[in-house]
Amino acid sequence: MAFVLFTPYIHARKPLPEPLLIPSSAKSALAALALMMSAGLAHAQSGTADGQKLAFDRGKGNCLTCHEIKGGDLPGSIGPALTEIKTKYPDRNDLVAIVTDETKRNPLTVMPPFGRNRILTEKEINAIVDFLQTL
């Protein structure tokens, strides 16, 4: 009975539009874009994890010697607590400059110039900044 009732409805429906055909070159470009985006996300997550490891490493970044950082053990109190960093430093370059050589901005600082003194590489500084921006 239901078949009889719906038969006019089925016949009155418009045919489905033709499927959209995407050229293979566009498919390749879309696949490459998706791969680059996922690689960028993985790199950002990796940079954040590496940055935290460096920041907490007592022999390398050693940020906990002077700063309180969420998740860190035995923090120091010489420098400010590292919280709401992205709000305090919305321009990432400012934060990179501080970690690289804070003496340029504040000659009286006790913060070591990690980049100028080659304590940290540029890649390590960027990883630490990635991490700091999550705080």
C-alpha atoms as a PDB file:
ATOM      1  CA  MET A   1       0.000   0.000   0.000  1.00  0.00           C
ATOM      2  CA  ALA A   2       2.819   2.417   0.869  1.00  0.00           C
ATOM      3  CA  PHE A   3       4.341   1.771  -2.545  1.00  0.00           C
ATOM      4  CA  VAL A   4       1.155   2.833  -4.268  1.00  0.00           C
ATOM      5  CA  LEU A   5       0.907   6.019  -2.154  1.00  0.00           C
ATOM      6  CA  PHE A   6       4.458   7.168  -2.798  1.00  0.00           C
ATOM      7  CA  THR A   7       4.764   6.158  -6.441  1.00  0.00           C
ATOM      8  CA  PRO A   8       3.547   9.566  -7.776  1.00  0.00           C
ATOM      9  CA  TYR A   9       6.022  11.331  -5.447  1.00  0.00           C
ATOM     10  CA  ILE A  10       8.906   9.193  -6.667  1.00  0.00           C
ATOM     11  CA  HIS A  11       8.044   9.833 -10.327  1.00  0.00           C
ATOM     12  CA  ALA A  12       7.600  13.605  -9.741  1.00  0.00           C
ATOM     13  CA  ARG A  13      11.080  14.083  -8.255  1.00  0.00           C
ATOM     14  CA  LYS A  14      13.683  15.780 -10.377  1.00  0.00           C
ATOM     15  CA  PRO A  15      16.645  13.692 -11.442  1.00  0.00           C
ATOM     16  CA  LEU A  16      19.814  14.059  -9.426  1.00  0.00           C
ATOM     17  CA  PRO A  17      22.385  16.452 -10.868  1.00  0.00           C
ATOM     18  CA  GLU A  18      25.408  15.014 -12.587  1.00  0.00           C
ATOM     19  CA  PRO A  19      28.260  14.320 -10.163  1.00  0.00           C
ATOM     20  CA  LEU A  20      30.966  16.967 -10.035  1.00  0.00           C
ATOM     21  CA  LEU A  21      34.025  15.752 -11.861  1.00  0.00           C
ATOM     22  CA  ILE A  22      37.297  16.990 -10.425  1.00  0.00           C
ATOM     23  CA  PRO A  23      40.274  16.845 -12.784  1.00  0.00           C
ATOM     24  CA  SER A  24      43.103  14.639 -11.586  1.00  0.00           C
ATOM     25  CA  SER A  25      45.475  17.632 -11.385  1.00  0.00           C
ATOM     26  CA  ALA A  26      43.061  19.351  -8.974  1.00  0.00           C
ATOM     27  CA  LYS A  27      42.757  16.141  -6.960  1.00  0.00           C
ATOM     28  CA  SER A  28      46.546  16.041  -6.673  1.00  0.00           C
ATOM     29  CA  ALA A  29      46.642  19.678  -5.597  1.00  0.00           C
ATOM     30  CA  LEU A  30      43.941  19.095  -2.967  1.00  0.00           C
ATOM     31  CA  ALA A  31      45.767  16.032  -1.675  1.00  0.00           C
ATOM     32  CA  ALA A  32      49.021  18.009  -1.454  1.00  0.00           C
ATOM     33  CA  LEU A  33      47.271  20.843   0.376  1.00  0.00           C
ATOM     34  CA  ALA A  34      45.722  18.414   2.868  1.00  0.00           C
ATOM     35  CA  LEU A  35      49.120  16.794   3.435  1.00  0.00           C
ATOM     36  CA  MET A  36      50.817  20.167   4.004  1.00  0.00           C
ATOM     37  CA  MET A  37      48.123  21.246   6.455  1.00  0.00           C
ATOM     38  CA  SER A  38      48.381  18.029   8.445  1.00  0.00           C
ATOM     39  CA  ALA A  39      52.189  18.249   8.426  1.00  0.00           C
ATOM     40  CA  GLY A  40      51.987  21.844   9.703  1.00  0.00           C
ATOM     41  CA  LEU A  41      49.692  20.770  12.536  1.00  0.00           C
ATOM     42  CA  ALA A  42      51.965  17.869  13.421  1.00  0.00           C
ATOM     43  CA  HIS A  43      54.985  20.204  13.337  1.00  0.00           C
ATOM     44  CA  ALA A  44      53.233  22.722  15.611  1.00  0.00           C
ATOM     45  CA  GLN A  45      52.334  19.983  18.082  1.00  0.00           C
ATOM     46  CA  SER A  46      55.871  18.613  17.887  1.00  0.00           C
ATOM     47  CA  GLY A  47      57.330  22.101  18.362  1.00  0.00           C
ATOM     48  CA  THR A  48      55.170  22.649  21.435  1.00  0.00           C
ATOM     49  CA  ALA A  49      56.207  19.327  22.987  1.00  0.00           C
ATOM     50  CA  ASP A  50      59.880  19.950  22.161  1.00  0.00           C
ATOM     51  CA  GLY A  51      59.593  23.456  23.562  1.00  0.00           C
ATOM     52  CA  GLN A  52      58.166  22.244  26.847  1.00  0.00           C
ATOM     53  CA  LYS A  53      60.904  19.648  27.113  1.00  0.00           C
ATOM     54  CA  LEU A  54      63.560  22.325  26.513  1.00  0.00           C
ATOM     55  CA  ALA A  55      61.935  24.813  28.910  1.00  0.00           C
ATOM     56  CA  PHE A  56      61.862  22.202  31.679  1.00  0.00           C
ATOM     57  CA  ASP A  57      65.345  20.804  30.908  1.00  0.00           C
ATOM     58  CA  ARG A  58      67.648  21.972  33.719  1.00  0.00           C
ATOM     59  CA  GLY A  59      70.673  21.677  31.461  1.00  0.00           C
ATOM     60  CA  LYS A  60      69.361  23.430  28.356  1.00  0.00           C
ATOM     61  CA  GLY A  61      66.510  25.981  28.409  1.00  0.00           C
ATOM     62  CA  ASN A  62      66.339  25.930  32.178  1.00  0.00           C
ATOM     63  CA  CYS A  63      63.341  28.310  32.305  1.00  0.00           C
ATOM     64  CA  LEU A  64      62.177  26.810  35.607  1.00  0.00           C
ATOM     65  CA  THR A  65      65.242  28.172  37.372  1.00  0.00           C
ATOM     66  CA  CYS A  66      63.687  31.643  37.292  1.00  0.00           C
ATOM     67  CA  HIS A  67      60.051  31.214  36.231  1.00  0.00           C
ATOM     68  CA  GLU A  68      56.960  29.461  37.489  1.00  0.00           C
ATOM     69  CA  ILE A  69      55.477  27.433  34.629  1.00  0.00           C
ATOM     70  CA  LYS A  70      52.341  25.307  34.820  1.00  0.00           C
ATOM     71  CA  GLY A  71      53.400  21.660  34.997  1.00  0.00           C
ATOM     72  CA  GLY A  72      56.984  22.426  36.012  1.00  0.00           C
ATOM     73  CA  ASP A  73      58.618  21.211  39.227  1.00  0.00           C
ATOM     74  CA  LEU A  74      60.582  23.379  41.661  1.00  0.00           C
ATOM     75  CA  PRO A  75      60.151  26.723  39.878  1.00  0.00           C
ATOM     76  CA  GLY A  76      62.153  29.809  40.708  1.00  0.00           C
ATOM     77  CA  SER A  77      60.773  33.224  41.549  1.00  0.00           C
ATOM     78  CA  ILE A  78      63.336  35.598  40.058  1.00  0.00           C
ATOM     79  CA  GLY A  79      61.362  36.127  36.842  1.00  0.00           C
ATOM     80  CA  PRO A  80      57.617  36.523  36.386  1.00  0.00           C
ATOM     81  CA  ALA A  81      55.285  33.533  36.274  1.00  0.00           C
ATOM     82  CA  LEU A  82      54.842  32.491  32.658  1.00  0.00           C
ATOM     83  CA  THR A  83      51.079  32.652  32.236  1.00  0.00           C
ATOM     84  CA  GLU A  84      48.795  34.168  29.590  1.00  0.00           C
ATOM     85  CA  ILE A  85      51.797  34.655  27.355  1.00  0.00           C
ATOM     86  CA  LYS A  86      49.834  35.031  24.118  1.00  0.00           C
ATOM     87  CA  THR A  87      47.827  37.848  25.717  1.00  0.00           C
ATOM     88  CA  LYS A  88      50.940  39.597  27.044  1.00  0.00           C
ATOM     89  CA  TYR A  89      52.915  39.099  23.832  1.00  0.00           C
ATOM     90  CA  PRO A  90      50.494  38.835  20.906  1.00  0.00           C
ATOM     91  CA  ASP A  91      53.370  39.398  18.462  1.00  0.00           C
ATOM     92  CA  ARG A  92      55.370  36.173  18.372  1.00  0.00           C
ATOM     93  CA  ASN A  93      58.474  38.078  17.228  1.00  0.00           C
ATOM     94  CA  ASP A  94      58.564  40.004  20.517  1.00  0.00           C
ATOM     95  CA  LEU A  95      58.728  36.752  22.450  1.00  0.00           C
ATOM     96  CA  VAL A  96      61.412  35.332  20.155  1.00  0.00           C
ATOM     97  CA  ALA A  97      63.443  38.520  20.708  1.00  0.00           C
ATOM     98  CA  ILE A  98      63.087  38.235  24.501  1.00  0.00           C
ATOM     99  CA  VAL A  99      64.302  34.639  24.587  1.00  0.00           C
ATOM    100  CA  THR A 100      67.053  35.352  22.054  1.00  0.00           C
ATOM    101  CA  ASP A 101      68.494  38.388  23.843  1.00  0.00           C
ATOM    102  CA  GLU A 102      66.438  40.241  26.463  1.00  0.00           C
ATOM    103  CA  THR A 103      69.383  42.572  27.121  1.00  0.00           C
ATOM    104  CA  LYS A 104      68.508  44.491  23.934  1.00  0.00           C
ATOM    105  CA  ARG A 105      65.157  45.434  25.435  1.00  0.00           C
ATOM    106  CA  ASN A 106      66.212  45.569  29.067  1.00  0.00           C
ATOM    107  CA  PRO A 107      69.973  45.986  29.646  1.00  0.00           C
ATOM    108  CA  LEU A 108      69.554  45.364  33.403  1.00  0.00           C
ATOM    109  CA  THR A 109      67.868  41.964  33.027  1.00  0.00           C
ATOM    110  CA  VAL A 110      69.308  38.866  34.645  1.00  0.00           C
ATOM    111  CA  MET A 111      67.809  36.703  31.904  1.00  0.00           C
ATOM    112  CA  PRO A 112      70.548  35.019  29.886  1.00  0.00           C
ATOM    113  CA  PRO A 113      70.696  35.926  26.185  1.00  0.00           C
ATOM    114  CA  PHE A 114      69.964  32.370  25.047  1.00  0.00           C
ATOM    115  CA  GLY A 115      70.394  33.096  21.341  1.00  0.00           C
ATOM    116  CA  ARG A 116      73.266  35.554  21.464  1.00  0.00           C
ATOM    117  CA  ASN A 117      75.285  33.252  23.733  1.00  0.00           C
ATOM    118  CA  ARG A 118      74.326  30.208  21.650  1.00  0.00           C
ATOM    119  CA  ILE A 119      72.791  28.449  24.627  1.00  0.00           C
ATOM    120  CA  LEU A 120      69.825  27.658  22.371  1.00  0.00           C
ATOM    121  CA  THR A 121      69.634  27.380  18.598  1.00  0.00           C
ATOM    122  CA  GLU A 122      67.096  29.375  16.593  1.00  0.00           C
ATOM    123  CA  LYS A 123      65.067  26.172  16.159  1.00  0.00           C
ATOM    124  CA  GLU A 124      65.102  25.541  19.933  1.00  0.00           C
ATOM    125  CA  ILE A 125      64.078  29.132  20.663  1.00  0.00           C
ATOM    126  CA  ASN A 126      61.163  28.795  18.250  1.00  0.00           C
ATOM    127  CA  ALA A 127      60.112  25.530  19.909  1.00  0.00           C
ATOM    128  CA  ILE A 128      60.178  27.193  23.343  1.00  0.00           C
ATOM    129  CA  VAL A 129      58.134  30.120  21.992  1.00  0.00           C
ATOM    130  CA  ASP A 130      55.641  27.600  20.541  1.00  0.00           C
ATOM    131  CA  PHE A 131      55.302  26.143  24.026  1.00  0.00           C
ATOM    132  CA  LEU A 132      55.132  29.511  25.796  1.00  0.00           C
ATOM    133  CA  GLN A 133      52.301  30.615  23.534  1.00  0.00           C
ATOM    134  CA  THR A 134      50.200  27.729  24.865  1.00  0.00           C
ATOM    135  CA  LEU A 135      50.485  28.979  28.458  1.00  0.00           C
END
